[in-house]
Protein backbone atom coordinates (compact mmCIF):
# COMPACT_ATOMS: atom_id res chain seq x y z
CA MET A 1 22.67 20.01 -10.47
CA LEU A 2 21.22 21.27 -8.06
CA GLU A 3 20.18 21.07 -4.48
CA THR A 4 16.69 21.50 -2.51
CA VAL A 5 17.16 23.59 0.93
CA THR A 6 14.92 24.57 3.20
CA LEU A 7 15.33 28.07 4.80
CA LYS A 8 13.74 29.94 6.85
CA ILE A 9 13.64 33.77 6.41
CA PRO A 10 12.08 37.30 7.52
CA GLU A 11 8.82 37.76 5.67
CA LEU A 12 9.46 41.32 5.05
CA PHE A 13 12.11 38.82 2.13
CA TYR A 14 9.79 36.77 0.88
CA LYS A 15 7.08 39.16 0.10
CA ARG A 16 9.63 41.10 -1.93
CA PHE A 17 11.00 38.26 -3.47
CA GLU A 18 7.36 37.36 -4.31
CA TYR A 19 6.79 41.00 -5.49
CA THR A 20 9.87 40.60 -8.25
CA ALA A 21 8.90 37.31 -9.00
CA GLN A 22 5.19 38.25 -10.17
CA ALA A 23 6.89 42.30 -11.97
CA THR A 24 9.51 40.17 -13.34
CA GLN A 25 7.00 37.06 -14.72
CA ARG A 26 9.56 34.82 -12.87
CA SER A 27 9.00 31.60 -10.34
CA LEU A 28 9.96 31.96 -7.36
CA ASP A 29 13.17 30.24 -7.46
CA GLU A 30 14.51 31.87 -10.68
CA VAL A 31 14.08 35.31 -8.30
CA ILE A 32 15.47 33.71 -5.35
CA LEU A 33 18.49 31.59 -7.19
CA HIS A 34 19.08 35.62 -8.60
CA ALA A 35 19.19 37.20 -5.93
CA LEU A 36 22.07 34.34 -4.24
CA SER A 37 24.06 35.02 -7.79
CA GLY A 38 25.08 38.56 -6.11
CA VAL A 39 23.43 40.72 -9.19
CA PRO A 40 20.65 42.88 -8.65
CA LEU A 41 17.72 42.84 -10.85
CA THR A 42 16.78 46.12 -12.90
CA ILE A 43 13.57 47.68 -13.72
CA ASP A 44 15.29 46.53 -17.62
CA HIS A 45 14.26 42.71 -15.73
CA ILE A 46 10.37 43.86 -15.30
CA HIS A 47 7.67 43.10 -17.40
CA PRO A 48 5.95 46.41 -18.96
CA ARG A 49 2.84 45.97 -17.76
CA ALA A 50 4.13 45.99 -14.23
CA LYS A 51 6.16 48.96 -13.98
CA GLY A 52 5.01 51.89 -11.41
CA GLY A 53 8.04 53.54 -9.44
CA ALA A 54 10.70 50.56 -7.73
CA THR A 55 13.84 50.65 -10.35
CA THR A 56 15.92 47.63 -8.61
CA PHE A 57 14.71 44.46 -6.41
CA PHE A 58 16.56 42.20 -5.78
C-alpha cells in the first residue's frame, strides 16, 4: 500500500531528482522512492544515450 505525502524540499534536491528521472527514464516518484530506500542509483541505471560524466546519482 502506498501513502501520499506532500514534502517541501530544496530546489537543488528537486532538480537532482528530476535530472536523475530523465537520465534513467524513470518516473520522479520512482527515483525519490529509490533515494529514500538508501540505495544510490549508479551509472548502470542510466539509459546508454544519457550517460555523461556522472557516476552516481540520488
